[in-house]
Amino acid sequence: MKALLLLPLFLLVACKPAAPTAASPASGKLRVLSVNHPLHAFASRLGGDAIEAVFPAPADEDPAFWQPDDAALAAFQQADLILLNGASYAKWTGKASLPTARSVTTSAAFKDRFIQIEDSAPHSHGPEGEHSHAGTAFTTWIDLSQAVQQAEAVRAALIRLRPDQAAAIDERFAALKGELEALDARLLKVGERLAKAPLVASHPVYHYWARRYGFNLQSVLWEPETVPDAKSMAELQALLVKHPAKWMVWEGEPAGESVAKLEAIGLRSVVFDPCGNQPDQGDFFTVMAANVAALEKAFP
């Protein structure tokens, strides 16, 4: 594994908390910054017009491994509320000086159930460079019961800062919770129908999802936009000897040539997008609904 580059000095030095006027827009709305799209979607839904929700990670980078520049870091440091995922997500937050009183780690309620990944080969995709998924599994929210708990942490933080909006926030949270719990129940039924039938995932990000819904999952290190070469296909076929899956679960829509190669060896494709970044269309809720519908169609 390559040595990690040292983070810039500006991430390591302590910063003086900004005055409230620097963080809040002229409208007086809370400025809420999030480290991933799910938290941004929760804040947007729950806060409504009382907040300005900001998610600064660029569309072409994985927010889990994105490194903010000076301006993005300053925006986080000056926010009224900073929503962190925890579980080792957004590596930069472990080195940056962020105002503790204005930061909320939304996965704290279930930190005793974090999954540790022992073996994960370093690899690269996108502009963020080489990285590894070893350590704490961080895609916590695709266990939708955990997503509800993370949304509950956002709800509590918003009410603490805007107690006058508590009734409206609670009403929105009840609707959000009901929506996620309904999807969670549907996924549990998919897991029951699959009855531990083997599946392959294109990337090792589905640990909490597999645990919650009872999926018998093994992962490779493929990207949706990259057509697998002969070596990758040979490694997959070796895996299938001991784990005879009939479906591969992709993070995003795979290339047509990849789908054809898999079908030639008896492996069909289905997409379950973790939605860590802002989707091209819709939001976390619409993407999760589409994910669940795709699985129900694949496994009726």
C-alpha atoms as a PDB file:
ATOM      1  CA  MET A   1       0.000   0.000   0.000  1.00  0.00           C
ATOM      2  CA  LYS A   2       1.306   3.444  -0.835  1.00  0.00           C
ATOM      3  CA  ALA A   3       2.147   5.772   2.037  1.00  0.00           C
ATOM      4  CA  LEU A   4      -0.570   8.317   2.701  1.00  0.00           C
ATOM      5  CA  LEU A   5       0.291  11.887   1.811  1.00  0.00           C
ATOM      6  CA  LEU A   6       0.524  14.280   4.733  1.00  0.00           C
ATOM      7  CA  LEU A   7      -2.451  16.563   4.908  1.00  0.00           C
ATOM      8  CA  PRO A   8      -1.864  20.293   4.420  1.00  0.00           C
ATOM      9  CA  LEU A   9      -0.913  22.194   7.525  1.00  0.00           C
ATOM     10  CA  PHE A  10      -4.146  24.212   7.489  1.00  0.00           C
ATOM     11  CA  LEU A  11      -6.029  21.021   8.423  1.00  0.00           C
ATOM     12  CA  LEU A  12      -3.848  20.369  11.441  1.00  0.00           C
ATOM     13  CA  VAL A  13      -3.819  23.727  13.160  1.00  0.00           C
ATOM     14  CA  ALA A  14      -6.443  24.841  15.590  1.00  0.00           C
ATOM     15  CA  CYS A  15      -8.878  27.395  14.309  1.00  0.00           C
ATOM     16  CA  LYS A  16     -10.738  30.080  16.193  1.00  0.00           C
ATOM     17  CA  PRO A  17     -14.510  29.535  15.996  1.00  0.00           C
ATOM     18  CA  ALA A  18     -16.086  32.013  13.632  1.00  0.00           C
ATOM     19  CA  ALA A  19     -18.581  34.581  14.840  1.00  0.00           C
ATOM     20  CA  PRO A  20     -22.195  33.592  14.239  1.00  0.00           C
ATOM     21  CA  THR A  21     -22.611  36.324  11.657  1.00  0.00           C
ATOM     22  CA  ALA A  22     -19.854  34.713   9.559  1.00  0.00           C
ATOM     23  CA  ALA A  23     -21.681  31.414   9.537  1.00  0.00           C
ATOM     24  CA  SER A  24     -25.263  32.518   9.025  1.00  0.00           C
ATOM     25  CA  PRO A  25     -26.600  34.023   5.822  1.00  0.00           C
ATOM     26  CA  ALA A  26     -28.256  37.442   5.876  1.00  0.00           C
ATOM     27  CA  SER A  27     -31.669  35.749   6.022  1.00  0.00           C
ATOM     28  CA  GLY A  28     -30.890  34.419   9.488  1.00  0.00           C
ATOM     29  CA  LYS A  29     -31.268  30.798   8.383  1.00  0.00           C
ATOM     30  CA  LEU A  30     -29.046  28.156   9.913  1.00  0.00           C
ATOM     31  CA  ARG A  31     -26.222  27.183   7.617  1.00  0.00           C
ATOM     32  CA  VAL A  32     -25.876  23.399   7.787  1.00  0.00           C
ATOM     33  CA  LEU A  33     -22.981  21.611   6.085  1.00  0.00           C
ATOM     34  CA  SER A  34     -22.859  17.832   5.607  1.00  0.00           C
ATOM     35  CA  VAL A  35     -20.075  15.427   4.688  1.00  0.00           C
ATOM     36  CA  ASN A  36     -22.280  13.290   2.434  1.00  0.00           C
ATOM     37  CA  HIS A  37     -25.491  13.486   0.465  1.00  0.00           C
ATOM     38  CA  PRO A  38     -27.684  11.352   2.761  1.00  0.00           C
ATOM     39  CA  LEU A  39     -27.067  13.727   5.672  1.00  0.00           C
ATOM     40  CA  HIS A  40     -27.607  16.697   3.380  1.00  0.00           C
ATOM     41  CA  ALA A  41     -30.928  15.171   2.273  1.00  0.00           C
ATOM     42  CA  PHE A  42     -32.002  14.589   5.890  1.00  0.00           C
ATOM     43  CA  ALA A  43     -31.129  18.163   6.856  1.00  0.00           C
ATOM     44  CA  SER A  44     -32.878  19.599   3.803  1.00  0.00           C
ATOM     45  CA  ARG A  45     -36.028  17.593   4.458  1.00  0.00           C
ATOM     46  CA  LEU A  46     -36.167  18.242   8.192  1.00  0.00           C
ATOM     47  CA  GLY A  47     -35.007  21.853   8.275  1.00  0.00           C
ATOM     48  CA  GLY A  48     -37.155  23.114   5.433  1.00  0.00           C
ATOM     49  CA  ASP A  49     -37.060  26.878   4.983  1.00  0.00           C
ATOM     50  CA  ALA A  50     -35.419  27.409   8.377  1.00  0.00           C
ATOM     51  CA  ILE A  51     -31.993  26.305   7.130  1.00  0.00           C
ATOM     52  CA  GLU A  52     -29.551  26.727   4.282  1.00  0.00           C
ATOM     53  CA  ALA A  53     -28.283  23.209   3.618  1.00  0.00           C
ATOM     54  CA  VAL A  54     -24.898  23.005   1.860  1.00  0.00           C
ATOM     55  CA  PHE A  55     -23.061  19.961   0.547  1.00  0.00           C
ATOM     56  CA  PRO A  56     -19.729  21.111  -0.940  1.00  0.00           C
ATOM     57  CA  ALA A  57     -18.191  17.855  -2.240  1.00  0.00           C
ATOM     58  CA  PRO A  58     -17.818  17.893  -6.060  1.00  0.00           C
ATOM     59  CA  ALA A  59     -20.013  15.610  -8.130  1.00  0.00           C
ATOM     60  CA  ASP A  60     -17.091  13.656  -9.619  1.00  0.00           C
ATOM     61  CA  GLU A  61     -15.473  12.625  -6.315  1.00  0.00           C
ATOM     62  CA  ASP A  62     -16.366  10.143  -3.596  1.00  0.00           C
ATOM     63  CA  PRO A  63     -17.125  12.259  -0.500  1.00  0.00           C
ATOM     64  CA  ALA A  64     -15.668   9.503   1.691  1.00  0.00           C
ATOM     65  CA  PHE A  65     -12.193  10.202   0.273  1.00  0.00           C
ATOM     66  CA  TRP A  66     -12.586  13.802  -0.922  1.00  0.00           C
ATOM     67  CA  GLN A  67     -10.075  16.357   0.389  1.00  0.00           C
ATOM     68  CA  PRO A  68     -11.601  19.853   0.848  1.00  0.00           C
ATOM     69  CA  ASP A  69      -9.675  22.892  -0.305  1.00  0.00           C
ATOM     70  CA  ASP A  70      -9.178  25.981   1.860  1.00  0.00           C
ATOM     71  CA  ALA A  71     -12.523  27.523   0.917  1.00  0.00           C
ATOM     72  CA  ALA A  72     -14.499  24.326   1.571  1.00  0.00           C
ATOM     73  CA  LEU A  73     -12.748  23.798   4.905  1.00  0.00           C
ATOM     74  CA  ALA A  74     -13.514  27.373   5.941  1.00  0.00           C
ATOM     75  CA  ALA A  75     -17.161  26.847   5.029  1.00  0.00           C
ATOM     76  CA  PHE A  76     -17.331  23.842   7.348  1.00  0.00           C
ATOM     77  CA  GLN A  77     -15.551  25.677  10.159  1.00  0.00           C
ATOM     78  CA  GLN A  78     -17.937  28.624   9.916  1.00  0.00           C
ATOM     79  CA  ALA A  79     -21.171  26.619   9.671  1.00  0.00           C
ATOM     80  CA  ASP A  80     -23.851  26.796  12.335  1.00  0.00           C
ATOM     81  CA  LEU A  81     -24.122  22.996  12.232  1.00  0.00           C
ATOM     82  CA  ILE A  82     -21.724  20.375  10.833  1.00  0.00           C
ATOM     83  CA  LEU A  83     -23.194  16.936  10.148  1.00  0.00           C
ATOM     84  CA  LEU A  84     -20.607  14.151  10.306  1.00  0.00           C
ATOM     85  CA  ASN A  85     -21.248  10.547   9.375  1.00  0.00           C
ATOM     86  CA  GLY A  86     -18.717   8.964  11.736  1.00  0.00           C
ATOM     87  CA  ALA A  87     -17.512   5.369  11.257  1.00  0.00           C
ATOM     88  CA  SER A  88     -14.306   6.706   9.650  1.00  0.00           C
ATOM     89  CA  TYR A  89     -16.234   8.411   6.828  1.00  0.00           C
ATOM     90  CA  ALA A  90     -14.708  11.580   5.305  1.00  0.00           C
ATOM     91  CA  LYS A  91     -11.100  10.912   6.265  1.00  0.00           C
ATOM     92  CA  TRP A  92     -10.203  14.587   6.321  1.00  0.00           C
ATOM     93  CA  THR A  93     -12.402  15.248   9.368  1.00  0.00           C
ATOM     94  CA  GLY A  94     -10.007  13.255  11.547  1.00  0.00           C
ATOM     95  CA  LYS A  95      -7.235  15.794  10.865  1.00  0.00           C
ATOM     96  CA  ALA A  96      -9.118  19.067  10.505  1.00  0.00           C
ATOM     97  CA  SER A  97      -9.925  21.348  13.417  1.00  0.00           C
ATOM     98  CA  LEU A  98     -13.715  21.574  13.455  1.00  0.00           C
ATOM     99  CA  PRO A  99     -15.774  23.310  16.169  1.00  0.00           C
ATOM    100  CA  THR A 100     -16.860  20.488  18.475  1.00  0.00           C
ATOM    101  CA  ALA A 101     -19.900  22.321  19.833  1.00  0.00           C
ATOM    102  CA  ARG A 102     -21.322  22.714  16.324  1.00  0.00           C
ATOM    103  CA  SER A 103     -20.468  19.213  15.053  1.00  0.00           C
ATOM    104  CA  VAL A 104     -22.760  16.181  15.302  1.00  0.00           C
ATOM    105  CA  THR A 105     -21.609  12.623  14.610  1.00  0.00           C
ATOM    106  CA  THR A 106     -24.856  11.118  13.383  1.00  0.00           C
ATOM    107  CA  SER A 107     -23.863   7.443  13.772  1.00  0.00           C
ATOM    108  CA  ALA A 108     -22.923   7.740  17.462  1.00  0.00           C
ATOM    109  CA  ALA A 109     -26.066   5.905  18.620  1.00  0.00           C
ATOM    110  CA  PHE A 110     -24.922   2.655  17.012  1.00  0.00           C
ATOM    111  CA  LYS A 111     -21.136   2.966  17.171  1.00  0.00           C
ATOM    112  CA  ASP A 112     -20.993  -0.288  19.130  1.00  0.00           C
ATOM    113  CA  ARG A 113     -22.275  -2.043  15.994  1.00  0.00           C
ATOM    114  CA  PHE A 114     -19.674  -0.725  13.552  1.00  0.00           C
ATOM    115  CA  ILE A 115     -18.215  -3.386  11.274  1.00  0.00           C
ATOM    116  CA  GLN A 116     -14.433  -3.738  11.028  1.00  0.00           C
ATOM    117  CA  ILE A 117     -12.919  -4.707   7.659  1.00  0.00           C
ATOM    118  CA  GLU A 118      -9.631  -6.540   8.020  1.00  0.00           C
ATOM    119  CA  ASP A 119      -8.628  -7.221   4.420  1.00  0.00           C
ATOM    120  CA  SER A 120      -9.091  -4.712   1.624  1.00  0.00           C
ATOM    121  CA  ALA A 121      -6.613  -4.175  -1.193  1.00  0.00           C
ATOM    122  CA  PRO A 122      -5.661  -0.575  -2.050  1.00  0.00           C
ATOM    123  CA  HIS A 123      -7.114   0.611  -5.343  1.00  0.00           C
ATOM    124  CA  SER A 124      -7.958   3.835  -7.138  1.00  0.00           C
ATOM    125  CA  HIS A 125     -10.920   5.282  -8.976  1.00  0.00           C
ATOM    126  CA  GLY A 126     -11.819   8.858  -9.811  1.00  0.00           C
ATOM    127  CA  PRO A 127      -9.686  11.921  -9.018  1.00  0.00           C
ATOM    128  CA  GLU A 128      -9.265  11.143  -5.306  1.00  0.00           C
ATOM    129  CA  GLY A 129      -6.455   8.656  -6.004  1.00  0.00           C
ATOM    130  CA  GLU A 130      -5.524   5.391  -4.313  1.00  0.00           C
ATOM    131  CA  HIS A 131      -7.300   4.288  -1.156  1.00  0.00           C
ATOM    132  CA  SER A 132      -8.348   1.220   0.809  1.00  0.00           C
ATOM    133  CA  HIS A 133     -11.628   0.204   2.449  1.00  0.00           C
ATOM    134  CA  ALA A 134      -9.809  -1.510   5.335  1.00  0.00           C
ATOM    135  CA  GLY A 135     -10.764  -0.338   8.818  1.00  0.00           C
ATOM    136  CA  THR A 136     -14.286   0.654   9.850  1.00  0.00           C
ATOM    137  CA  ALA A 137     -17.017   0.118   7.263  1.00  0.00           C
ATOM    138  CA  PHE A 138     -18.529   3.539   6.722  1.00  0.00           C
ATOM    139  CA  THR A 139     -21.542   3.207   4.400  1.00  0.00           C
ATOM    140  CA  THR A 140     -23.766   3.111   7.463  1.00  0.00           C
ATOM    141  CA  TRP A 141     -26.959   4.530   5.975  1.00  0.00           C
ATOM    142  CA  ILE A 142     -27.722   1.705   3.504  1.00  0.00           C
ATOM    143  CA  ASP A 143     -28.947  -0.208   6.506  1.00  0.00           C
ATOM    144  CA  LEU A 144     -32.075   1.924   6.467  1.00  0.00           C
ATOM    145  CA  SER A 145     -32.753   1.291  10.149  1.00  0.00           C
ATOM    146  CA  GLN A 146     -29.424   3.035  10.803  1.00  0.00           C
ATOM    147  CA  ALA A 147     -30.364   5.791   8.354  1.00  0.00           C
ATOM    148  CA  VAL A 148     -33.395   6.482  10.560  1.00  0.00           C
ATOM    149  CA  GLN A 149     -31.112   6.817  13.585  1.00  0.00           C
ATOM    150  CA  GLN A 150     -28.841   9.204  11.688  1.00  0.00           C
ATOM    151  CA  ALA A 151     -31.850  11.279  10.659  1.00  0.00           C
ATOM    152  CA  GLU A 152     -32.941  11.298  14.313  1.00  0.00           C
ATOM    153  CA  ALA A 153     -29.549  12.792  15.253  1.00  0.00           C
ATOM    154  CA  VAL A 154     -30.061  15.514  12.620  1.00  0.00           C
ATOM    155  CA  ARG A 155     -33.568  16.167  13.982  1.00  0.00           C
ATOM    156  CA  ALA A 156     -32.258  16.573  17.548  1.00  0.00           C
ATOM    157  CA  ALA A 157     -29.491  18.942  16.444  1.00  0.00           C
ATOM    158  CA  LEU A 158     -31.871  21.142  14.468  1.00  0.00           C
ATOM    159  CA  ILE A 159     -34.362  21.353  17.346  1.00  0.00           C
ATOM    160  CA  ARG A 160     -31.547  22.267  19.734  1.00  0.00           C
ATOM    161  CA  LEU A 161     -30.621  25.208  17.510  1.00  0.00           C
ATOM    162  CA  ARG A 162     -34.157  26.153  16.482  1.00  0.00           C
ATOM    163  CA  PRO A 163     -36.497  25.173  19.330  1.00  0.00           C
ATOM    164  CA  ASP A 164     -39.176  27.454  17.879  1.00  0.00           C
ATOM    165  CA  GLN A 165     -39.289  25.100  14.861  1.00  0.00           C
ATOM    166  CA  ALA A 166     -39.584  21.893  16.936  1.00  0.00           C
ATOM    167  CA  ALA A 167     -43.163  21.051  15.997  1.00  0.00           C
ATOM    168  CA  ALA A 168     -42.528  21.453  12.268  1.00  0.00           C
ATOM    169  CA  ILE A 169     -39.254  19.497  12.424  1.00  0.00           C
ATOM    170  CA  ASP A 170     -40.938  16.690  14.379  1.00  0.00           C
ATOM    171  CA  GLU A 171     -43.727  16.490  11.827  1.00  0.00           C
ATOM    172  CA  ARG A 172     -41.250  16.246   8.957  1.00  0.00           C
ATOM    173  CA  PHE A 173     -39.216  13.648  10.845  1.00  0.00           C
ATOM    174  CA  ALA A 174     -42.271  11.462  11.378  1.00  0.00           C
ATOM    175  CA  ALA A 175     -42.892  11.460   7.615  1.00  0.00           C
ATOM    176  CA  LEU A 176     -39.217  10.818   6.818  1.00  0.00           C
ATOM    177  CA  LYS A 177     -39.042   7.976   9.340  1.00  0.00           C
ATOM    178  CA  GLY A 178     -42.173   6.379   7.945  1.00  0.00           C
ATOM    179  CA  GLU A 179     -40.788   6.548   4.407  1.00  0.00           C
ATOM    180  CA  LEU A 180     -37.484   4.917   5.363  1.00  0.00           C
ATOM    181  CA  GLU A 181     -39.108   2.284   7.569  1.00  0.00           C
ATOM    182  CA  ALA A 182     -41.405   1.259   4.718  1.00  0.00           C
ATOM    183  CA  LEU A 183     -38.400   0.795   2.409  1.00  0.00           C
ATOM    184  CA  ASP A 184     -36.566  -1.062   5.174  1.00  0.00           C
ATOM    185  CA  ALA A 185     -39.481  -3.491   5.551  1.00  0.00           C
ATOM    186  CA  ARG A 186     -39.512  -4.133   1.800  1.00  0.00           C
ATOM    187  CA  LEU A 187     -35.770  -4.868   1.809  1.00  0.00           C
ATOM    188  CA  LEU A 188     -36.178  -7.291   4.690  1.00  0.00           C
ATOM    189  CA  LYS A 189     -38.728  -9.176   2.567  1.00  0.00           C
ATOM    190  CA  VAL A 190     -36.270  -9.288  -0.356  1.00  0.00           C
ATOM    191  CA  GLY A 191     -33.701 -10.797   1.994  1.00  0.00           C
ATOM    192  CA  GLU A 192     -36.195 -13.406   3.130  1.00  0.00           C
ATOM    193  CA  ARG A 193     -36.982 -14.373  -0.463  1.00  0.00           C
ATOM    194  CA  LEU A 194     -33.298 -14.683  -1.352  1.00  0.00           C
ATOM    195  CA  ALA A 195     -32.793 -16.995   1.635  1.00  0.00           C
ATOM    196  CA  LYS A 196     -28.995 -16.562   1.676  1.00  0.00           C
ATOM    197  CA  ALA A 197     -28.568 -17.182  -2.064  1.00  0.00           C
ATOM    198  CA  PRO A 198     -25.060 -15.960  -2.999  1.00  0.00           C
ATOM    199  CA  LEU A 199     -24.579 -12.489  -4.480  1.00  0.00           C
ATOM    200  CA  VAL A 200     -21.510 -10.616  -5.715  1.00  0.00           C
ATOM    201  CA  ALA A 201     -21.034  -6.868  -5.205  1.00  0.00           C
ATOM    202  CA  SER A 202     -18.976  -4.698  -7.522  1.00  0.00           C
ATOM    203  CA  HIS A 203     -17.363  -2.870  -4.580  1.00  0.00           C
ATOM    204  CA  PRO A 204     -16.828  -3.529  -0.830  1.00  0.00           C
ATOM    205  CA  VAL A 205     -19.291  -0.942   0.488  1.00  0.00           C
ATOM    206  CA  TYR A 206     -22.305  -3.089   1.340  1.00  0.00           C
ATOM    207  CA  HIS A 207     -21.368  -4.501   4.764  1.00  0.00           C
ATOM    208  CA  TYR A 208     -24.194  -2.949   6.805  1.00  0.00           C
ATOM    209  CA  TRP A 209     -26.681  -3.589   3.999  1.00  0.00           C
ATOM    210  CA  ALA A 210     -25.770  -7.278   3.865  1.00  0.00           C
ATOM    211  CA  ARG A 211     -25.944  -7.623   7.666  1.00  0.00           C
ATOM    212  CA  ARG A 212     -29.327  -5.919   7.997  1.00  0.00           C
ATOM    213  CA  TYR A 213     -31.082  -7.715   5.158  1.00  0.00           C
ATOM    214  CA  GLY A 214     -29.406 -11.100   5.396  1.00  0.00           C
ATOM    215  CA  PHE A 215     -27.662 -10.974   2.014  1.00  0.00           C
ATOM    216  CA  ASN A 216     -24.941 -13.572   1.372  1.00  0.00           C
ATOM    217  CA  LEU A 217     -22.468 -11.219  -0.283  1.00  0.00           C
ATOM    218  CA  GLN A 218     -18.885 -11.354  -1.568  1.00  0.00           C
ATOM    219  CA  SER A 219     -17.220  -8.318  -3.174  1.00  0.00           C
ATOM    220  CA  VAL A 220     -14.809  -7.565  -5.989  1.00  0.00           C
ATOM    221  CA  LEU A 221     -13.149  -4.213  -6.817  1.00  0.00           C
ATOM    222  CA  TRP A 222     -14.867  -3.081 -10.003  1.00  0.00           C
ATOM    223  CA  GLU A 223     -16.157   0.298 -11.149  1.00  0.00           C
ATOM    224  CA  PRO A 224     -19.412   0.728 -13.105  1.00  0.00           C
ATOM    225  CA  GLU A 225     -17.760   2.782 -15.843  1.00  0.00           C
ATOM    226  CA  THR A 226     -14.798   0.415 -16.333  1.00  0.00           C
ATOM    227  CA  VAL A 227     -15.129  -2.724 -18.449  1.00  0.00           C
ATOM    228  CA  PRO A 228     -13.415  -5.647 -16.663  1.00  0.00           C
ATOM    229  CA  ASP A 229     -10.279  -6.986 -18.326  1.00  0.00           C
ATOM    230  CA  ALA A 230      -9.339 -10.648 -18.693  1.00  0.00           C
ATOM    231  CA  LYS A 231      -7.589 -10.701 -15.298  1.00  0.00           C
ATOM    232  CA  SER A 232     -10.641  -9.296 -13.525  1.00  0.00           C
ATOM    233  CA  MET A 233     -12.918 -11.786 -15.254  1.00  0.00           C
ATOM    234  CA  ALA A 234     -10.636 -14.683 -14.288  1.00  0.00           C
ATOM    235  CA  GLU A 235     -10.603 -13.545 -10.639  1.00  0.00           C
ATOM    236  CA  LEU A 236     -14.387 -13.287 -10.660  1.00  0.00           C
ATOM    237  CA  GLN A 237     -14.801 -16.748 -12.130  1.00  0.00           C
ATOM    238  CA  ALA A 238     -12.480 -18.159  -9.456  1.00  0.00           C
ATOM    239  CA  LEU A 239     -14.675 -16.510  -6.809  1.00  0.00           C
ATOM    240  CA  LEU A 240     -17.812 -17.971  -8.392  1.00  0.00           C
ATOM    241  CA  VAL A 241     -16.442 -21.490  -8.023  1.00  0.00           C
ATOM    242  CA  LYS A 242     -16.785 -21.231  -4.242  1.00  0.00           C
ATOM    243  CA  HIS A 243     -19.531 -18.570  -4.191  1.00  0.00           C
ATOM    244  CA  PRO A 244     -21.863 -19.445  -7.118  1.00  0.00           C
ATOM    245  CA  ALA A 245     -23.745 -16.171  -7.447  1.00  0.00           C
ATOM    246  CA  LYS A 246     -26.188 -15.462 -10.260  1.00  0.00           C
ATOM    247  CA  TRP A 247     -26.356 -11.684  -9.711  1.00  0.00           C
ATOM    248  CA  MET A 248     -23.867  -8.825  -9.315  1.00  0.00           C
ATOM    249  CA  VAL A 249     -24.920  -5.753  -7.335  1.00  0.00           C
ATOM    250  CA  TRP A 250     -23.473  -2.522  -8.772  1.00  0.00           C
ATOM    251  CA  GLU A 251     -23.013   0.895  -7.129  1.00  0.00           C
ATOM    252  CA  GLY A 252     -24.076   2.599 -10.345  1.00  0.00           C
ATOM    253  CA  GLU A 253     -25.309   1.752 -13.810  1.00  0.00           C
ATOM    254  CA  PRO A 254     -22.639  -0.506 -15.338  1.00  0.00           C
ATOM    255  CA  ALA A 255     -21.240  -0.203 -18.861  1.00  0.00           C
ATOM    256  CA  GLY A 256     -23.152  -2.233 -21.415  1.00  0.00           C
ATOM    257  CA  GLU A 257     -20.066  -4.238 -22.311  1.00  0.00           C
ATOM    258  CA  SER A 258     -19.604  -5.187 -18.654  1.00  0.00           C
ATOM    259  CA  VAL A 259     -23.191  -6.405 -18.457  1.00  0.00           C
ATOM    260  CA  ALA A 260     -22.682  -8.494 -21.607  1.00  0.00           C
ATOM    261  CA  LYS A 261     -19.484 -10.059 -20.249  1.00  0.00           C
ATOM    262  CA  LEU A 262     -21.237 -11.028 -17.047  1.00  0.00           C
ATOM    263  CA  GLU A 263     -24.272 -12.436 -18.825  1.00  0.00           C
ATOM    264  CA  ALA A 264     -21.944 -14.597 -20.915  1.00  0.00           C
ATOM    265  CA  ILE A 265     -20.888 -16.395 -17.715  1.00  0.00           C
ATOM    266  CA  GLY A 266     -24.395 -16.547 -16.268  1.00  0.00           C
ATOM    267  CA  LEU A 267     -24.267 -13.461 -14.034  1.00  0.00           C
ATOM    268  CA  ARG A 268     -26.988 -10.807 -14.229  1.00  0.00           C
ATOM    269  CA  SER A 269     -26.706  -7.201 -13.015  1.00  0.00           C
ATOM    270  CA  VAL A 270     -28.771  -5.080 -10.616  1.00  0.00           C
ATOM    271  CA  VAL A 271     -28.000  -1.597  -9.254  1.00  0.00           C
ATOM    272  CA  PHE A 272     -28.188  -0.566  -5.600  1.00  0.00           C
ATOM    273  CA  ASP A 273     -26.716   2.938  -5.458  1.00  0.00           C
ATOM    274  CA  PRO A 274     -25.433   3.867  -1.952  1.00  0.00           C
ATOM    275  CA  CYS A 275     -25.988   7.503  -2.951  1.00  0.00           C
ATOM    276  CA  GLY A 276     -23.073   8.957  -0.999  1.00  0.00           C
ATOM    277  CA  ASN A 277     -22.892  11.865  -3.428  1.00  0.00           C
ATOM    278  CA  GLN A 278     -25.592  14.046  -4.968  1.00  0.00           C
ATOM    279  CA  PRO A 279     -27.374  11.975  -7.650  1.00  0.00           C
ATOM    280  CA  ASP A 280     -27.842  13.319 -11.169  1.00  0.00           C
ATOM    281  CA  GLN A 281     -31.595  13.288 -10.572  1.00  0.00           C
ATOM    282  CA  GLY A 282     -33.691  13.281  -7.439  1.00  0.00           C
ATOM    283  CA  ASP A 283     -32.258  12.823  -3.951  1.00  0.00           C
ATOM    284  CA  PHE A 284     -31.458  10.153  -1.395  1.00  0.00           C
ATOM    285  CA  PHE A 285     -35.100   9.232  -0.931  1.00  0.00           C
ATOM    286  CA  THR A 286     -35.895   8.793  -4.616  1.00  0.00           C
ATOM    287  CA  VAL A 287     -32.669   6.843  -5.178  1.00  0.00           C
ATOM    288  CA  MET A 288     -33.397   4.467  -2.279  1.00  0.00           C
ATOM    289  CA  ALA A 289     -36.938   3.927  -3.575  1.00  0.00           C
ATOM    290  CA  ALA A 290     -35.528   3.093  -7.023  1.00  0.00           C
ATOM    291  CA  ASN A 291     -32.950   0.764  -5.444  1.00  0.00           C
ATOM    292  CA  VAL A 292     -35.606  -1.171  -3.572  1.00  0.00           C
ATOM    293  CA  ALA A 293     -37.841  -1.407  -6.632  1.00  0.00           C
ATOM    294  CA  ALA A 294     -34.915  -2.761  -8.681  1.00  0.00           C
ATOM    295  CA  LEU A 295     -34.237  -5.484  -6.128  1.00  0.00           C
ATOM    296  CA  GLU A 296     -37.907  -6.412  -5.933  1.00  0.00           C
ATOM    297  CA  LYS A 297     -37.990  -6.764  -9.704  1.00  0.00           C
ATOM    298  CA  ALA A 298     -34.814  -8.867  -9.720  1.00  0.00           C
ATOM    299  CA  PHE A 299     -35.938 -11.077  -6.838  1.00  0.00           C
ATOM    300  CA  PRO A 300     -39.765 -11.249  -6.985  1.00  0.00           C
END
